[in-house]
Amino acid sequence: QVQLVESGGGSVQPGGSLRLSCAVSGFTEDVSAIGWFRQAIGKEREGPLCISGSDGSTYYADSVKGRFTISKDNAKNTVHLQMNSLKPEDTAVYYCAATTRSSWALKLDRSRYDYWGQGTQVTVSS
């Protein structure tokens, strides 16, 4: 089993920044990537927005490219999501999730993530 706990959500004005963290614990040896997802009220879960691969590779969806940065602290088993230039449409519950799939085609498939955190709310409003 793998456990994930998100933190760092909150409220911010448009144009502001937030940094989310995802603490990963448990049987992490088989985890091949951590992804960030989000779900706005009344909408389907979106993502992966960003992916951090165990080999150091990264992926960004077009909707966040240039504004969001994913990074990881291997010593602390933590993945961070730095979100800049936030927009009202970024308002959602943000989730991190882990996958054990090795191919990038599967890492890009939301249904292939087996372990999920509880989510953290991000609200962008003036």
Foldseek 3Di string as FASTA:
>chain_A
DKAKAKDWADEEAAQAKTKMKIQIDDPCPLWFKKFKWWDAPPGDIDDSQKIQGPVRDMDHDPVQPPFWDWDDDVVRNMIMIIGGRDDQVVWTWMKMFTASDDDPVLVGDPVRTDYIYPTDTHGYHD
